[in-house]
Amino acid sequence: DLYLKSCGVPAGLPELGMRFCDIEIHGSHSQFRKTVDVALQTAPELIFKTEFGPCTIVAVDFAPDQEGDGSAPGKFGPWLHWLKTGCEGGTAAGGSEHCPYRGPAPPKGNHR
C-alpha cells in the first residue's frame, strides 16, 4: 500500500467484485498457490457499478517479490497482468483487450 501511494494511486478506491470460477478475490487478503489454484490462469469475472460508464481494466501487480517495508516495488515489478478498455455494463465481458490476461505465476510459494 505504501508503494501504491508513492505512485499516486489514491486510497479508498471502490473494490471490484472479482471471481475466478468459485473463488472470490479480496485484494491482498487472498492468498494463492500457482500449482493448486489453476483457475487463476483464466481471466476473472469482474463486476463493477454500471454508473461508472465505460471502464478501463488495468490489472497490475506493483510488488511481486516485494521485500522490506512495502514502499518500493519488488524486483520483478510492476507486472502487467491484463489491460482492457471500453468495458461497459458492469462487467469486463466486452471491450477491447490490449494485453491478454496473464494469470499469476510466482516462482514459488504463495501469491496475493
Protein backbone atom coordinates (compact mmCIF):
# COMPACT_ATOMS: atom_id res chain seq x y z
CA ASP A 1 0.00 0.00 0.00
CA LEU A 2 2.89 2.39 0.66
CA TYR A 3 4.24 1.80 -2.85
CA LEU A 4 0.84 2.44 -4.46
CA LYS A 5 0.56 5.69 -2.52
CA SER A 6 4.02 6.75 -3.74
CA CYS A 7 2.81 6.16 -7.34
CA GLY A 8 -0.14 8.48 -6.81
CA VAL A 9 -2.80 5.76 -6.52
CA PRO A 10 -5.38 7.20 -4.13
CA ALA A 11 -6.58 5.26 -1.12
CA GLY A 12 -10.22 4.29 -0.85
CA LEU A 13 -10.91 3.34 -4.47
CA PRO A 14 -14.00 1.14 -4.85
CA GLU A 15 -13.27 -2.58 -4.71
CA LEU A 16 -14.24 -4.58 -7.78
CA GLY A 17 -16.14 -7.79 -7.41
CA MET A 18 -13.72 -10.43 -8.71
CA ARG A 19 -14.24 -14.14 -9.07
CA PHE A 20 -12.22 -16.97 -10.62
CA CYS A 21 -14.73 -19.81 -11.08
CA ASP A 22 -15.93 -20.20 -7.47
CA ILE A 23 -13.01 -18.35 -5.83
CA GLU A 24 -13.80 -14.79 -4.72
CA ILE A 25 -10.87 -12.37 -4.50
CA HIS A 26 -10.45 -9.76 -1.77
CA GLY A 27 -7.20 -7.95 -2.51
CA SER A 28 -4.09 -8.76 -0.52
CA HIS A 29 -6.21 -10.77 1.92
CA SER A 30 -6.45 -13.53 -0.71
CA GLN A 31 -3.53 -15.95 -0.99
CA PHE A 32 -2.97 -18.47 -3.79
CA ARG A 33 -0.62 -21.20 -4.91
CA LYS A 34 0.14 -21.49 -8.63
CA THR A 35 0.15 -25.29 -8.67
CA VAL A 36 -3.11 -25.63 -6.71
CA ASP A 37 -5.30 -22.71 -7.82
CA VAL A 38 -5.18 -23.32 -11.60
CA ALA A 39 -8.46 -21.38 -12.09
CA LEU A 40 -6.36 -18.20 -11.73
CA GLN A 41 -4.92 -18.79 -15.20
CA THR A 42 -8.28 -17.89 -16.80
CA ALA A 43 -9.44 -14.26 -16.89
CA PRO A 44 -11.66 -13.47 -13.90
CA GLU A 45 -15.26 -12.36 -13.89
CA LEU A 46 -15.28 -8.71 -12.80
CA ILE A 47 -18.29 -6.79 -11.53
CA PHE A 48 -18.39 -3.02 -11.12
CA LYS A 49 -21.08 -0.35 -10.85
CA THR A 50 -22.76 0.36 -14.19
CA GLU A 51 -22.99 4.07 -13.30
CA PHE A 52 -19.20 4.25 -13.75
CA GLY A 53 -19.89 4.03 -17.50
CA PRO A 54 -17.24 2.62 -19.84
CA CYS A 55 -14.25 1.47 -17.79
CA THR A 56 -10.65 0.51 -18.33
CA ILE A 57 -9.44 -2.60 -16.54
CA VAL A 58 -5.78 -2.46 -15.55
CA ALA A 59 -4.55 -5.43 -13.54
CA VAL A 60 -1.07 -4.65 -12.28
CA ASP A 61 0.95 -6.27 -9.54
CA PHE A 62 3.19 -3.46 -8.40
CA ALA A 63 5.14 -5.53 -5.95
CA PRO A 64 5.92 -9.11 -6.98
CA ASP A 65 8.62 -10.49 -4.68
CA GLN A 66 8.42 -7.32 -2.61
CA GLU A 67 10.66 -7.13 0.41
CA GLY A 68 11.14 -4.51 3.10
CA ASP A 69 8.53 -2.01 4.27
CA GLY A 70 6.37 -2.02 1.13
CA SER A 71 7.45 1.40 -0.11
CA ALA A 72 9.21 0.12 -3.26
CA PRO A 73 8.30 -2.38 -5.98
CA GLY A 74 9.55 -5.94 -5.86
CA LYS A 75 12.44 -6.96 -8.07
CA PHE A 76 10.01 -8.16 -10.80
CA GLY A 77 7.51 -5.29 -10.52
CA PRO A 78 5.48 -3.74 -11.76
CA TRP A 79 3.92 -6.68 -13.63
CA LEU A 80 1.02 -6.08 -16.06
CA HIS A 81 -1.48 -8.94 -15.84
CA TRP A 82 -4.32 -7.53 -18.00
CA LEU A 83 -5.42 -4.40 -19.89
CA LYS A 84 -8.88 -3.86 -21.40
CA THR A 85 -10.63 -0.64 -22.40
CA GLY A 86 -14.25 0.22 -23.10
CA CYS A 87 -15.75 -2.31 -20.67
CA GLU A 88 -19.45 -1.50 -20.19
CA GLY A 89 -22.48 -2.84 -18.40
CA GLY A 90 -20.69 -3.51 -15.13
CA THR A 91 -18.51 -6.35 -16.43
CA ALA A 92 -15.26 -6.94 -18.31
CA ALA A 93 -17.03 -9.22 -20.80
CA GLY A 94 -16.88 -6.67 -23.65
CA GLY A 95 -14.38 -4.02 -24.54
CA SER A 96 -11.05 -4.15 -26.33
CA GLU A 97 -8.21 -6.24 -24.95
CA HIS A 98 -4.79 -4.60 -25.32
CA CYS A 99 -2.82 -7.01 -23.13
CA PRO A 100 -4.29 -10.51 -22.85
CA TYR A 101 -4.88 -11.80 -19.34
CA ARG A 102 -1.81 -13.42 -17.79
CA GLY A 103 -2.53 -15.19 -14.53
CA PRO A 104 -0.20 -15.14 -11.55
CA ALA A 105 2.90 -17.26 -11.86
CA PRO A 106 5.04 -16.73 -8.79
CA PRO A 107 8.31 -18.66 -8.97
CA LYS A 108 7.49 -20.36 -5.66
CA GLY A 109 5.22 -20.10 -2.63
CA ASN A 110 2.04 -18.06 -2.28
CA HIS A 111 0.78 -15.19 -4.39
CA ARG A 112 -1.53 -12.48 -3.03
